[in-house]
PDB file of N, CA and C in Angstrom:
ATOM      1  N   MET A   1     127.406  14.465 109.762  1.00  0.00           N
ATOM      2  CA  MET A   1     126.972  15.807 110.074  1.00  0.00           C
ATOM      3  C   MET A   1     126.531  15.852 111.541  1.00  0.00           C
ATOM      4  N   ARG A   2     126.996  16.855 112.230  1.00  0.00           N
ATOM      5  CA  ARG A   2     126.690  17.018 113.657  1.00  0.00           C
ATOM      6  C   ARG A   2     125.339  17.716 113.810  1.00  0.00           C
ATOM      7  N   ARG A   3     124.510  17.195 114.688  1.00  0.00           N
ATOM      8  CA  ARG A   3     123.209  17.817 114.949  1.00  0.00           C
ATOM      9  C   ARG A   3     123.312  18.734 116.150  1.00  0.00           C
ATOM     10  N   GLU A   4     122.610  19.848 116.072  1.00  0.00           N
ATOM     11  CA  GLU A   4     122.595  20.786 117.195  1.00  0.00           C
ATOM     12  C   GLU A   4     121.762  20.213 118.331  1.00  0.00           C
ATOM     13  N   VAL A   5     122.160  20.526 119.559  1.00  0.00           N
ATOM     14  CA  VAL A   5     121.432  20.070 120.736  1.00  0.00           C
ATOM     15  C   VAL A   5     120.060  20.731 120.771  1.00  0.00           C
ATOM     16  N   ASP A   6     120.004  22.009 120.467  1.00  0.00           N
ATOM     17  CA  ASP A   6     118.763  22.774 120.457  1.00  0.00           C
ATOM     18  C   ASP A   6     118.592  23.339 119.043  1.00  0.00           C
ATOM     19  N   PRO A   7     118.009  22.550 118.126  1.00  0.00           N
ATOM     20  CA  PRO A   7     117.940  22.968 116.724  1.00  0.00           C
ATOM     21  C   PRO A   7     117.129  24.250 116.514  1.00  0.00           C
ATOM     22  N   ILE A   8     117.480  24.955 115.461  1.00  0.00           N
ATOM     23  CA  ILE A   8     116.815  26.204 115.097  1.00  0.00           C
ATOM     24  C   ILE A   8     116.023  25.950 113.823  1.00  0.00           C
ATOM     25  N   SER A   9     114.770  26.384 113.788  1.00  0.00           N
ATOM     26  CA  SER A   9     113.936  26.164 112.615  1.00  0.00           C
ATOM     27  C   SER A   9     114.168  27.253 111.563  1.00  0.00           C
ATOM     28  N   VAL A  10     113.782  26.935 110.339  1.00  0.00           N
ATOM     29  CA  VAL A  10     113.850  27.906 109.250  1.00  0.00           C
ATOM     30  C   VAL A  10     112.924  29.082 109.569  1.00  0.00           C
ATOM     31  N   ALA A  11     111.771  28.803 110.136  1.00  0.00           N
ATOM     32  CA  ALA A  11     110.823  29.864 110.496  1.00  0.00           C
ATOM     33  C   ALA A  11     111.448  30.824 111.514  1.00  0.00           C
ATOM     34  N   PHE A  12     112.159  30.297 112.494  1.00  0.00           N
ATOM     35  CA  PHE A  12     112.833  31.121 113.492  1.00  0.00           C
ATOM     36  C   PHE A  12     113.851  32.024 112.804  1.00  0.00           C
ATOM     37  N   CYS A  13     114.671  31.452 111.932  1.00  0.00           N
ATOM     38  CA  CYS A  13     115.689  32.239 111.226  1.00  0.00           C
ATOM     39  C   CYS A  13     115.056  33.333 110.389  1.00  0.00           C
ATOM     40  N   ASN A  14     114.019  32.996 109.661  1.00  0.00           N
ATOM     41  CA  ASN A  14     113.358  33.997 108.818  1.00  0.00           C
ATOM     42  C   ASN A  14     112.780  35.132 109.649  1.00  0.00           C
ATOM     43  N   GLU A  15     112.171  34.804 110.771  1.00  0.00           N
ATOM     44  CA  GLU A  15     111.605  35.840 111.638  1.00  0.00           C
ATOM     45  C   GLU A  15     112.700  36.767 112.147  1.00  0.00           C
ATOM     46  N   LYS A  16     113.808  36.200 112.562  1.00  0.00           N
ATOM     47  CA  LYS A  16     114.893  36.981 113.163  1.00  0.00           C
ATOM     48  C   LYS A  16     115.715  37.745 112.133  1.00  0.00           C
ATOM     49  N   VAL A  17     115.904  37.163 110.945  1.00  0.00           N
ATOM     50  CA  VAL A  17     116.755  37.784 109.933  1.00  0.00           C
ATOM     51  C   VAL A  17     115.932  38.595 108.934  1.00  0.00           C
ATOM     52  N   LEU A  18     114.999  37.965 108.263  1.00  0.00           N
ATOM     53  CA  LEU A  18     114.262  38.630 107.192  1.00  0.00           C
ATOM     54  C   LEU A  18     113.255  39.653 107.701  1.00  0.00           C
ATOM     55  N   HIS A  19     112.669  39.401 108.862  1.00  0.00           N
ATOM     56  CA  HIS A  19     111.660  40.313 109.407  1.00  0.00           C
ATOM     57  C   HIS A  19     112.246  41.253 110.460  1.00  0.00           C
ATOM     58  N   ARG A  20     113.580  41.228 110.573  1.00  0.00           N
ATOM     59  CA  ARG A  20     114.324  42.159 111.431  1.00  0.00           C
ATOM     60  C   ARG A  20     113.865  42.151 112.891  1.00  0.00           C
ATOM     61  N   MET A  21     113.608  40.965 113.416  1.00  0.00           N
ATOM     62  CA  MET A  21     113.163  40.867 114.800  1.00  0.00           C
ATOM     63  C   MET A  21     114.216  40.212 115.692  1.00  0.00           C
ATOM     64  N   GLY A  22     115.420  40.016 115.145  1.00  0.00           N
ATOM     65  CA  GLY A  22     116.452  39.307 115.882  1.00  0.00           C
ATOM     66  C   GLY A  22     117.279  40.190 116.793  1.00  0.00           C
ATOM     67  N   LYS A  23     117.563  39.650 117.952  1.00  0.00           N
ATOM     68  CA  LYS A  23     118.486  40.294 118.885  1.00  0.00           C
ATOM     69  C   LYS A  23     119.887  39.792 118.558  1.00  0.00           C
ATOM     70  N   ARG A  24     120.894  40.488 119.038  1.00  0.00           N
ATOM     71  CA  ARG A  24     122.290  40.136 118.752  1.00  0.00           C
ATOM     72  C   ARG A  24     122.578  38.663 119.050  1.00  0.00           C
ATOM     73  N   GLU A  25     122.167  38.173 120.204  1.00  0.00           N
ATOM     74  CA  GLU A  25     122.454  36.795 120.600  1.00  0.00           C
ATOM     75  C   GLU A  25     121.832  35.796 119.630  1.00  0.00           C
ATOM     76  N   GLU A  26     120.609  36.093 119.181  1.00  0.00           N
ATOM     77  CA  GLU A  26     119.928  35.191 118.254  1.00  0.00           C
ATOM     78  C   GLU A  26     120.636  35.177 116.898  1.00  0.00           C
ATOM     79  N   LEU A  27     121.021  36.355 116.422  1.00  0.00           N
ATOM     80  CA  LEU A  27     121.705  36.434 115.130  1.00  0.00           C
ATOM     81  C   LEU A  27     123.083  35.773 115.197  1.00  0.00           C
ATOM     82  N   GLU A  28     123.772  35.915 116.312  1.00  0.00           N
ATOM     83  CA  GLU A  28     125.062  35.250 116.472  1.00  0.00           C
ATOM     84  C   GLU A  28     124.890  33.737 116.417  1.00  0.00           C
ATOM     85  N   ARG A  29     123.848  33.253 117.056  1.00  0.00           N
ATOM     86  CA  ARG A  29     123.578  31.808 117.047  1.00  0.00           C
ATOM     87  C   ARG A  29     123.262  31.328 115.630  1.00  0.00           C
ATOM     88  N   ILE A  30     122.454  32.096 114.906  1.00  0.00           N
ATOM     89  CA  ILE A  30     122.110  31.734 113.534  1.00  0.00           C
ATOM     90  C   ILE A  30     123.360  31.716 112.659  1.00  0.00           C
ATOM     91  N   SER A  31     124.240  32.689 112.846  1.00  0.00           N
ATOM     92  CA  SER A  31     125.445  32.787 112.002  1.00  0.00           C
ATOM     93  C   SER A  31     126.374  31.594 112.182  1.00  0.00           C
ATOM     94  N   GLN A  32     126.227  30.857 113.269  1.00  0.00           N
ATOM     95  CA  GLN A  32     127.105  29.725 113.557  1.00  0.00           C
ATOM     96  C   GLN A  32     126.556  28.384 113.075  1.00  0.00           C
ATOM     97  N   ILE A  33     125.412  28.387 112.414  1.00  0.00           N
ATOM     98  CA  ILE A  33     124.830  27.148 111.893  1.00  0.00           C
ATOM     99  C   ILE A  33     125.690  26.684 110.715  1.00  0.00           C
ATOM    100  N   GLU A  34     126.269  25.491 110.828  1.00  0.00           N
ATOM    101  CA  GLU A  34     127.199  24.982 109.812  1.00  0.00           C
ATOM    102  C   GLU A  34     126.617  24.923 108.398  1.00  0.00           C
ATOM    103  N   PRO A  35     125.458  24.301 108.186  1.00  0.00           N
ATOM    104  CA  PRO A  35     124.975  24.168 106.807  1.00  0.00           C
ATOM    105  C   PRO A  35     124.283  25.422 106.246  1.00  0.00           C
ATOM    106  N   LEU A  36     124.382  26.539 106.941  1.00  0.00           N
ATOM    107  CA  LEU A  36     123.747  27.773 106.484  1.00  0.00           C
ATOM    108  C   LEU A  36     124.362  28.221 105.166  1.00  0.00           C
ATOM    109  N   ALA A  37     123.523  28.606 104.215  1.00  0.00           N
ATOM    110  CA  ALA A  37     124.012  29.086 102.917  1.00  0.00           C
ATOM    111  C   ALA A  37     124.871  30.331 103.119  1.00  0.00           C
ATOM    112  N   ALA A  38     125.952  30.431 102.354  1.00  0.00           N
ATOM    113  CA  ALA A  38     126.897  31.545 102.485  1.00  0.00           C
ATOM    114  C   ALA A  38     126.205  32.894 102.318  1.00  0.00           C
ATOM    115  N   ARG A  39     125.310  32.992 101.375  1.00  0.00           N
ATOM    116  CA  ARG A  39     124.598  34.256 101.129  1.00  0.00           C
ATOM    117  C   ARG A  39     123.756  34.665 102.345  1.00  0.00           C
ATOM    118  N   TYR A  40     123.097  33.707 102.947  1.00  0.00           N
ATOM    119  CA  TYR A  40     122.268  33.972 104.130  1.00  0.00           C
ATOM    120  C   TYR A  40     123.158  34.362 105.311  1.00  0.00           C
ATOM    121  N   ARG A  41     124.274  33.632 105.470  1.00  0.00           N
ATOM    122  CA  ARG A  41     125.223  33.940 106.547  1.00  0.00           C
ATOM    123  C   ARG A  41     125.768  35.358 106.388  1.00  0.00           C
ATOM    124  N   ASP A  42     126.092  35.737 105.145  1.00  0.00           N
ATOM    125  CA  ASP A  42     126.580  37.098 104.881  1.00  0.00           C
ATOM    126  C   ASP A  42     125.559  38.143 105.308  1.00  0.00           C
ATOM    127  N   GLU A  43     124.286  37.871 105.053  1.00  0.00           N
ATOM    128  CA  GLU A  43     123.229  38.800 105.451  1.00  0.00           C
ATOM    129  C   GLU A  43     123.158  38.917 106.976  1.00  0.00           C
ATOM    130  N   VAL A  44     123.260  37.796 107.662  1.00  0.00           N
ATOM    131  CA  VAL A  44     123.236  37.789 109.128  1.00  0.00           C
ATOM    132  C   VAL A  44     124.442  38.559 109.674  1.00  0.00           C
ATOM    133  N   LEU A  45     125.613  38.302 109.123  1.00  0.00           N
ATOM    134  CA  LEU A  45     126.824  38.976 109.589  1.00  0.00           C
ATOM    135  C   LEU A  45     126.760  40.482 109.327  1.00  0.00           C
ATOM    136  N   GLU A  46     126.157  40.867 108.216  1.00  0.00           N
ATOM    137  CA  GLU A  46     125.996  42.295 107.916  1.00  0.00           C
ATOM    138  C   GLU A  46     125.065  42.952 108.941  1.00  0.00           C
ATOM    139  N   LYS A  47     124.006  42.275 109.308  1.00  0.00           N
ATOM    140  CA  LYS A  47     123.093  42.806 110.328  1.00  0.00           C
ATOM    141  C   LYS A  47     123.826  42.957 111.667  1.00  0.00           C
ATOM    142  N   LEU A  48     124.641  41.971 112.003  1.00  0.00           N
ATOM    143  CA  LEU A  48     125.419  42.045 113.241  1.00  0.00           C
ATOM    144  C   LEU A  48     126.406  43.215 113.188  1.00  0.00           C
ATOM    145  N   ARG A  49     127.036  43.408 112.040  1.00  0.00           N
ATOM    146  CA  ARG A  49     127.990  44.499 111.883  1.00  0.00           C
ATOM    147  C   ARG A  49     127.298  45.844 112.093  1.00  0.00           C
ATOM    148  N   LYS A  50     126.113  45.985 111.545  1.00  0.00           N
ATOM    149  CA  LYS A  50     125.361  47.248 111.678  1.00  0.00           C
ATOM    150  C   LYS A  50     124.898  47.490 113.101  1.00  0.00           C
ATOM    151  N   MET A  51     124.743  46.422 113.881  1.00  0.00           N
ATOM    152  CA  MET A  51     124.335  46.569 115.285  1.00  0.00           C
ATOM    153  C   MET A  51     125.483  47.125 116.128  1.00  0.00           C
ATOM    154  N   GLY A  52     126.692  46.966 115.606  1.00  0.00           N
ATOM    155  CA  GLY A  52     127.858  47.502 116.325  1.00  0.00           C
ATOM    156  C   GLY A  52     128.496  46.615 117.284  1.00  0.00           C
TER     157      GLY A  52
END
């Protein structure tokens, strides 16, 4: 498994996704995390879609 150079914490993801505080760049970065659960990724991608 490849490790990210600048890892993202679960707390960071929750703040940006669940608490709706994420900017487009942050959500795009989260969506690219390989081991991210499909359901969580779908939620991130839906938020990105709504941003336009």
